[in-house]
C-alpha atoms as a PDB file:
ATOM      1  CA  MET A   1       9.720 -59.601 -80.439  1.00  0.00           C
ATOM      2  CA  PRO A   2      11.481 -56.282 -79.600  1.00  0.00           C
ATOM      3  CA  ARG A   3      10.333 -54.646 -76.383  1.00  0.00           C
ATOM      4  CA  PRO A   4       8.620 -51.234 -76.620  1.00  0.00           C
ATOM      5  CA  ASN A   5      10.321 -48.167 -75.172  1.00  0.00           C
ATOM      6  CA  LEU A   6       7.659 -46.373 -73.109  1.00  0.00           C
ATOM      7  CA  SER A   7       9.835 -43.597 -71.721  1.00  0.00           C
ATOM      8  CA  GLY A   8       8.051 -40.249 -71.711  1.00  0.00           C
ATOM      9  CA  THR A   9       4.627 -41.899 -71.476  1.00  0.00           C
ATOM     10  CA  ILE A  10       3.673 -40.739 -67.991  1.00  0.00           C
ATOM     11  CA  GLN A  11       2.554 -37.168 -67.396  1.00  0.00           C
ATOM     12  CA  LYS A  12       2.450 -34.855 -64.405  1.00  0.00           C
ATOM     13  CA  LYS A  13      -1.192 -35.643 -63.749  1.00  0.00           C
ATOM     14  CA  ASP A  14      -0.273 -39.323 -63.297  1.00  0.00           C
ATOM     15  CA  VAL A  15       2.202 -38.602 -60.500  1.00  0.00           C
ATOM     16  CA  HIS A  16       1.342 -38.171 -56.809  1.00  0.00           C
ATOM     17  CA  GLU A  17       3.359 -37.202 -53.767  1.00  0.00           C
ATOM     18  CA  LYS A  18       3.421 -38.550 -50.245  1.00  0.00           C
ATOM     19  CA  GLY A  19       5.337 -37.596 -47.124  1.00  0.00           C
ATOM     20  CA  GLY A  20       7.066 -34.300 -46.550  1.00  0.00           C
ATOM     21  CA  GLY A  21      10.502 -32.756 -46.186  1.00  0.00           C
ATOM     22  CA  LYS A  22      13.327 -35.215 -46.809  1.00  0.00           C
ATOM     23  CA  PHE A  23      10.761 -38.035 -46.729  1.00  0.00           C
ATOM     24  CA  LYS A  24       8.781 -36.543 -49.616  1.00  0.00           C
ATOM     25  CA  ALA A  25       8.449 -39.027 -52.481  1.00  0.00           C
ATOM     26  CA  LYS A  26       6.768 -39.173 -55.867  1.00  0.00           C
ATOM     27  CA  TYR A  27       4.876 -42.242 -56.930  1.00  0.00           C
ATOM     28  CA  MET A  28       2.339 -43.588 -59.399  1.00  0.00           C
ATOM     29  CA  ALA A  29      -0.575 -45.862 -58.602  1.00  0.00           C
ATOM     30  CA  TRP A  30       0.136 -49.408 -59.756  1.00  0.00           C
ATOM     31  CA  ALA A  31      -3.269 -49.444 -61.453  1.00  0.00           C
ATOM     32  CA  LYS A  32      -2.162 -46.526 -63.668  1.00  0.00           C
ATOM     33  CA  ILE A  33       1.004 -48.399 -64.629  1.00  0.00           C
ATOM     34  CA  ALA A  34      -1.132 -51.427 -65.499  1.00  0.00           C
ATOM     35  CA  GLN A  35      -3.499 -49.274 -67.561  1.00  0.00           C
ATOM     36  CA  LEU A  36      -0.621 -47.757 -69.541  1.00  0.00           C
ATOM     37  CA  LEU A  37       0.821 -51.216 -70.183  1.00  0.00           C
ATOM     38  CA  ASN A  38      -2.564 -52.492 -71.358  1.00  0.00           C
ATOM     39  CA  ASP A  39      -2.848 -49.493 -73.658  1.00  0.00           C
ATOM     40  CA  LYS A  40       0.725 -49.228 -74.986  1.00  0.00           C
ATOM     41  CA  ALA A  41       1.940 -52.831 -74.768  1.00  0.00           C
ATOM     42  CA  PRO A  42      -1.141 -55.099 -74.617  1.00  0.00           C
ATOM     43  CA  GLU A  43       0.795 -58.098 -75.964  1.00  0.00           C
ATOM     44  CA  TRP A  44       2.991 -58.204 -72.832  1.00  0.00           C
ATOM     45  CA  THR A  45       1.773 -59.847 -69.591  1.00  0.00           C
ATOM     46  CA  TYR A  46       3.469 -59.602 -66.211  1.00  0.00           C
ATOM     47  CA  CYS A  47       4.059 -62.999 -64.564  1.00  0.00           C
ATOM     48  CA  LEU A  48       5.725 -64.475 -61.498  1.00  0.00           C
ATOM     49  CA  GLU A  49       8.180 -67.357 -61.669  1.00  0.00           C
ATOM     50  CA  THR A  50       7.412 -69.822 -58.880  1.00  0.00           C
ATOM     51  CA  ASP A  51       9.674 -71.947 -56.725  1.00  0.00           C
ATOM     52  CA  GLY A  52       7.922 -75.296 -56.987  1.00  0.00           C
ATOM     53  CA  GLY A  53       4.558 -73.546 -57.123  1.00  0.00           C
ATOM     54  CA  ASN A  54       5.438 -70.992 -54.434  1.00  0.00           C
ATOM     55  CA  PRO A  55       5.712 -67.397 -55.742  1.00  0.00           C
ATOM     56  CA  VAL A  56       8.063 -66.494 -52.866  1.00  0.00           C
ATOM     57  CA  TRP A  57      11.750 -67.349 -53.163  1.00  0.00           C
ATOM     58  CA  LYS A  58      14.005 -67.642 -50.139  1.00  0.00           C
ATOM     59  CA  ALA A  59      17.161 -65.548 -50.030  1.00  0.00           C
ATOM     60  CA  PRO A  60      20.391 -66.814 -48.365  1.00  0.00           C
ATOM     61  CA  ASN A  61      19.752 -64.627 -45.299  1.00  0.00           C
ATOM     62  CA  GLY A  62      16.245 -66.029 -44.792  1.00  0.00           C
ATOM     63  CA  THR A  63      14.246 -63.156 -46.317  1.00  0.00           C
ATOM     64  CA  GLY A  64      11.888 -63.518 -49.283  1.00  0.00           C
ATOM     65  CA  TYR A  65      11.682 -62.120 -52.768  1.00  0.00           C
ATOM     66  CA  LEU A  66       9.694 -62.427 -56.005  1.00  0.00           C
ATOM     67  CA  GLN A  67      10.941 -63.278 -59.495  1.00  0.00           C
ATOM     68  CA  GLY A  68       8.885 -61.376 -62.045  1.00  0.00           C
ATOM     69  CA  TYR A  69       9.046 -61.315 -65.825  1.00  0.00           C
ATOM     70  CA  PHE A  70       7.041 -60.224 -68.865  1.00  0.00           C
ATOM     71  CA  ARG A  71       5.734 -62.763 -71.370  1.00  0.00           C
ATOM     72  CA  ASN A  72       4.792 -61.781 -74.898  1.00  0.00           C
ATOM     73  CA  ASP A  73       1.819 -63.308 -76.719  1.00  0.00           C
ATOM     74  CA  ASP A  74       4.268 -64.866 -79.177  1.00  0.00           C
ATOM     75  CA  GLY A  75       5.814 -66.874 -76.317  1.00  0.00           C
ATOM     76  CA  THR A  76       8.999 -64.875 -75.789  1.00  0.00           C
ATOM     77  CA  CYS A  77       9.864 -63.749 -72.265  1.00  0.00           C
ATOM     78  CA  THR A  78      12.123 -61.231 -70.601  1.00  0.00           C
ATOM     79  CA  SER A  79      14.765 -62.233 -68.098  1.00  0.00           C
ATOM     80  CA  LEU A  80      13.742 -62.643 -64.450  1.00  0.00           C
ATOM     81  CA  PHE A  81      13.431 -59.521 -62.315  1.00  0.00           C
ATOM     82  CA  PRO A  82      14.103 -60.166 -58.609  1.00  0.00           C
ATOM     83  CA  PHE A  83      12.149 -57.961 -56.193  1.00  0.00           C
ATOM     84  CA  SER A  84      12.516 -58.040 -52.432  1.00  0.00           C
ATOM     85  CA  ILE A  85       9.363 -58.414 -50.329  1.00  0.00           C
ATOM     86  CA  MET A  86       9.581 -55.453 -47.960  1.00  0.00           C
ATOM     87  CA  ASN A  87       7.641 -53.822 -45.162  1.00  0.00           C
ATOM     88  CA  ASN A  88       6.574 -50.175 -45.061  1.00  0.00           C
ATOM     89  CA  HIS A  89      10.109 -49.195 -44.008  1.00  0.00           C
ATOM     90  CA  ASN A  90      11.606 -50.832 -47.116  1.00  0.00           C
ATOM     91  CA  GLN A  91      13.153 -53.587 -45.018  1.00  0.00           C
ATOM     92  CA  ALA A  92      13.189 -57.158 -46.320  1.00  0.00           C
ATOM     93  CA  ILE A  93      10.742 -59.448 -44.506  1.00  0.00           C
ATOM     94  CA  GLU A  94      11.684 -62.803 -43.017  1.00  0.00           C
ATOM     95  CA  TYR A  95      10.558 -65.670 -45.258  1.00  0.00           C
ATOM     96  CA  GLU A  96       8.425 -67.300 -42.542  1.00  0.00           C
ATOM     97  CA  SER A  97       6.636 -64.007 -41.826  1.00  0.00           C
ATOM     98  CA  ILE A  98       5.492 -63.389 -45.392  1.00  0.00           C
ATOM     99  CA  GLY A  99       1.735 -63.671 -45.875  1.00  0.00           C
ATOM    100  CA  ALA A 100      -0.790 -63.072 -48.637  1.00  0.00           C
ATOM    101  CA  ARG A 101      -0.880 -59.314 -48.071  1.00  0.00           C
ATOM    102  CA  GLU A 102       2.900 -58.982 -48.397  1.00  0.00           C
ATOM    103  CA  ILE A 103       2.873 -61.087 -51.561  1.00  0.00           C
ATOM    104  CA  THR A 104       0.103 -59.124 -53.277  1.00  0.00           C
ATOM    105  CA  ASP A 105       1.552 -55.729 -52.285  1.00  0.00           C
ATOM    106  CA  SER A 106       5.005 -56.736 -53.533  1.00  0.00           C
ATOM    107  CA  HIS A 107       3.540 -58.132 -56.741  1.00  0.00           C
ATOM    108  CA  ARG A 108       2.079 -54.701 -57.589  1.00  0.00           C
ATOM    109  CA  ARG A 109       5.288 -52.924 -56.612  1.00  0.00           C
ATOM    110  CA  SER A 110       7.406 -55.304 -58.646  1.00  0.00           C
ATOM    111  CA  LEU A 111       5.147 -54.707 -61.648  1.00  0.00           C
ATOM    112  CA  CYS A 112       5.986 -50.992 -61.475  1.00  0.00           C
ATOM    113  CA  ALA A 113       9.727 -51.593 -61.021  1.00  0.00           C
ATOM    114  CA  ALA A 114       9.885 -54.201 -63.792  1.00  0.00           C
ATOM    115  CA  SER A 115       7.971 -51.889 -66.149  1.00  0.00           C
ATOM    116  CA  ALA A 116      10.676 -49.278 -65.680  1.00  0.00           C
ATOM    117  CA  PHE A 117      13.455 -51.877 -66.013  1.00  0.00           C
ATOM    118  CA  PHE A 118      12.235 -53.560 -69.194  1.00  0.00           C
ATOM    119  CA  PHE A 119      10.119 -50.856 -70.908  1.00  0.00           C
ATOM    120  CA  SER A 120      11.376 -47.591 -69.312  1.00  0.00           C
ATOM    121  CA  LEU A 121       7.776 -46.926 -68.263  1.00  0.00           C
ATOM    122  CA  GLY A 122       7.912 -44.447 -65.387  1.00  0.00           C
ATOM    123  CA  PHE A 123      11.719 -44.535 -65.237  1.00  0.00           C
ATOM    124  CA  GLU A 124      11.604 -40.778 -64.558  1.00  0.00           C
ATOM    125  CA  LEU A 125      10.339 -41.480 -61.042  1.00  0.00           C
ATOM    126  CA  TRP A 126      13.192 -43.874 -60.280  1.00  0.00           C
ATOM    127  CA  ALA A 127      15.807 -41.588 -61.869  1.00  0.00           C
ATOM    128  CA  ASP A 128      14.270 -38.466 -60.254  1.00  0.00           C
ATOM    129  CA  GLU A 129      13.971 -36.751 -63.626  1.00  0.00           C
ATOM    130  CA  GLU A 130      11.496 -34.002 -64.409  1.00  0.00           C
ATOM    131  CA  ILE A 131       8.201 -35.165 -65.873  1.00  0.00           C
ATOM    132  CA  THR A 132       6.758 -32.885 -68.511  1.00  0.00           C
ATOM    133  CA  ASP A 133       3.320 -32.943 -70.012  1.00  0.00           C
ATOM    134  CA  GLU A 134       3.021 -34.047 -73.598  1.00  0.00           C
ATOM    135  CA  LYS A 135       2.754 -31.099 -75.961  1.00  0.00           C
ATOM    136  CA  ILE A 136      -0.130 -31.138 -78.384  1.00  0.00           C
ATOM    137  CA  ASP A 137      -0.084 -28.854 -81.388  1.00  0.00           C
ATOM    138  CA  ILE A 138      -3.549 -27.410 -81.882  1.00  0.00           C
ATOM    139  CA  VAL A 139      -4.348 -26.338 -85.417  1.00  0.00           C
ATOM    140  CA  PRO A 140      -6.933 -23.563 -85.653  1.00  0.00           C
ATOM    141  CA  GLU A 141     -10.153 -24.763 -87.197  1.00  0.00           C
ATOM    142  CA  SER A 142      -9.842 -22.137 -89.901  1.00  0.00           C
ATOM    143  CA  GLN A 143      -6.592 -23.763 -91.050  1.00  0.00           C
ATOM    144  CA  LEU A 144      -7.981 -27.246 -91.336  1.00  0.00           C
ATOM    145  CA  LYS A 145      -8.351 -28.405 -94.912  1.00  0.00           C
ATOM    146  CA  GLN A 146     -11.990 -28.323 -95.842  1.00  0.00           C
ATOM    147  CA  PRO A 147     -13.402 -30.613 -98.519  1.00  0.00           C
ATOM    148  CA  ALA A 148     -14.103 -28.802-101.775  1.00  0.00           C
ATOM    149  CA  LYS A 149     -17.735 -27.820-102.133  1.00  0.00           C
ATOM    150  CA  PRO A 150     -19.260 -29.097-105.388  1.00  0.00           C
ATOM    151  CA  SER A 151     -20.213 -26.396-107.860  1.00  0.00           C
ATOM    152  CA  LYS A 152     -23.827 -25.741-108.800  1.00  0.00           C
ATOM    153  CA  ASP A 153     -23.252 -27.174-112.275  1.00  0.00           C
ATOM    154  CA  GLU A 154     -21.802 -30.369-110.775  1.00  0.00           C
ATOM    155  CA  THR A 155     -24.842 -30.780-108.533  1.00  0.00           C
ATOM    156  CA  ILE A 156     -27.215 -30.235-111.455  1.00  0.00           C
ATOM    157  CA  GLU A 157     -25.282 -32.781-113.506  1.00  0.00           C
ATOM    158  CA  LYS A 158     -25.677 -35.363-110.719  1.00  0.00           C
ATOM    159  CA  ILE A 159     -29.404 -34.638-110.562  1.00  0.00           C
ATOM    160  CA  MET A 160     -29.759 -35.096-114.321  1.00  0.00           C
ATOM    161  CA  VAL A 161     -27.897 -38.399-114.238  1.00  0.00           C
ATOM    162  CA  LEU A 162     -30.201 -39.707-111.513  1.00  0.00           C
ATOM    163  CA  LEU A 163     -33.310 -38.408-113.294  1.00  0.00           C
ATOM    164  CA  ASN A 164     -32.330 -40.179-116.519  1.00  0.00           C
ATOM    165  CA  SER A 165     -31.734 -43.426-114.667  1.00  0.00           C
ATOM    166  CA  LYS A 166     -34.858 -43.368-112.503  1.00  0.00           C
ATOM    167  CA  LYS A 167     -37.535 -41.562-114.534  1.00  0.00           C
ATOM    168  CA  LYS A 168     -38.752 -41.380-118.111  1.00  0.00           C
ATOM    169  CA  ASP A 169     -38.314 -38.107-120.041  1.00  0.00           C
ATOM    170  CA  ASP A 170     -41.862 -36.853-119.497  1.00  0.00           C
ATOM    171  CA  GLU A 171     -41.838 -37.968-115.838  1.00  0.00           C
ATOM    172  CA  ALA A 172     -38.508 -36.220-115.240  1.00  0.00           C
ATOM    173  CA  LYS A 173     -39.722 -32.978-116.811  1.00  0.00           C
ATOM    174  CA  LYS A 174     -42.942 -33.048-114.780  1.00  0.00           C
ATOM    175  CA  TRP A 175     -41.006 -33.785-111.577  1.00  0.00           C
ATOM    176  CA  VAL A 176     -38.686 -30.793-112.102  1.00  0.00           C
ATOM    177  CA  GLU A 177     -41.665 -28.506-112.854  1.00  0.00           C
ATOM    178  CA  GLU A 178     -43.405 -29.614-109.653  1.00  0.00           C
ATOM    179  CA  LYS A 179     -40.290 -28.880-107.629  1.00  0.00           C
ATOM    180  CA  ALA A 180     -39.869 -25.499-109.321  1.00  0.00           C
ATOM    181  CA  LYS A 181     -43.468 -24.618-108.387  1.00  0.00           C
ATOM    182  CA  LEU A 182     -42.805 -25.764-104.824  1.00  0.00           C
ATOM    183  CA  TYR A 183     -39.699 -23.577-104.562  1.00  0.00           C
ATOM    184  CA  LYS A 184     -41.455 -20.653-106.338  1.00  0.00           C
ATOM    185  CA  VAL A 185     -39.096 -20.685-109.340  1.00  0.00           C
ATOM    186  CA  THR A 186     -40.969 -18.701-112.012  1.00  0.00           C
ATOM    187  CA  GLY A 187     -38.304 -17.459-114.424  1.00  0.00           C
ATOM    188  CA  SER A 188     -37.830 -18.707-117.949  1.00  0.00           C
ATOM    189  CA  GLY A 189     -35.080 -21.108-118.978  1.00  0.00           C
ATOM    190  CA  SER A 190     -33.629 -23.973-116.930  1.00  0.00           C
ATOM    191  CA  LYS A 191     -35.575 -24.416-113.696  1.00  0.00           C
ATOM    192  CA  LEU A 192     -32.722 -26.277-112.051  1.00  0.00           C
ATOM    193  CA  LYS A 193     -30.228 -23.482-112.661  1.00  0.00           C
ATOM    194  CA  GLN A 194     -32.612 -21.006-111.057  1.00  0.00           C
ATOM    195  CA  MET A 195     -32.868 -23.043-107.859  1.00  0.00           C
ATOM    196  CA  SER A 196     -30.683 -22.338-104.853  1.00  0.00           C
ATOM    197  CA  ASP A 197     -27.901 -24.681-103.769  1.00  0.00           C
ATOM    198  CA  ILE A 198     -29.999 -25.738-100.774  1.00  0.00           C
ATOM    199  CA  HIS A 199     -32.934 -26.716-103.020  1.00  0.00           C
ATOM    200  CA  LEU A 200     -30.640 -28.597-105.372  1.00  0.00           C
ATOM    201  CA  GLN A 201     -29.162 -30.574-102.486  1.00  0.00           C
ATOM    202  CA  GLU A 202     -32.690 -31.460-101.347  1.00  0.00           C
ATOM    203  CA  LEU A 203     -33.488 -32.763-104.831  1.00  0.00           C
ATOM    204  CA  LEU A 204     -30.268 -34.753-104.912  1.00  0.00           C
ATOM    205  CA  ARG A 205     -30.994 -36.359-101.549  1.00  0.00           C
ATOM    206  CA  GLU A 206     -34.533 -37.247-102.631  1.00  0.00           C
ATOM    207  CA  LEU A 207     -33.320 -38.882-105.830  1.00  0.00           C
ATOM    208  CA  ASN A 208     -30.589 -40.798-104.000  1.00  0.00           C
ATOM    209  CA  ASN A 209     -33.159 -42.154-101.545  1.00  0.00           C
ATOM    210  CA  ALA A 210     -35.743 -42.980-104.199  1.00  0.00           C
END
């Protein structure tokens, strides 16, 4: 299955800064990266390849690293993504000194790096490119297409169809006269045509619910 390209997904509000001066750095919380992956690429899961059951691999110089990869629900996988297990000074840690905390911290960091490598998610941070907020075109409410309002004659026609299907002729005539009296319709001719649109809609709702 082709991998999604998630470049441009992160926004300014997702990015934080730490340090100052030449040590100033931008970063994103690993939990935000995970949330974006779950939202934009839910079929991909981040995994660690183990060395005989051990998630830590030993480098030739005696330091340790992880081998991460993404697995798709259809069974396909990306290539392995090596990630050095480092201390707070970005220095590789000796294999024998690596504990649970170093493994879990590096797992989260490798998730972020691998997301940029395979899906371009957050690549802007690694490439030091400007992050812009997504532009949303807002259409004024007055320009939104409104559904056509049925004409008075169309409403009356619907009422007549329902009356003919639910009441006998004399019952229908009596029902209309009672409603006309209720709405104070006293003129001669068709009582329904003399009623307001609001009254006609009330009659239509009553007949639909009968």
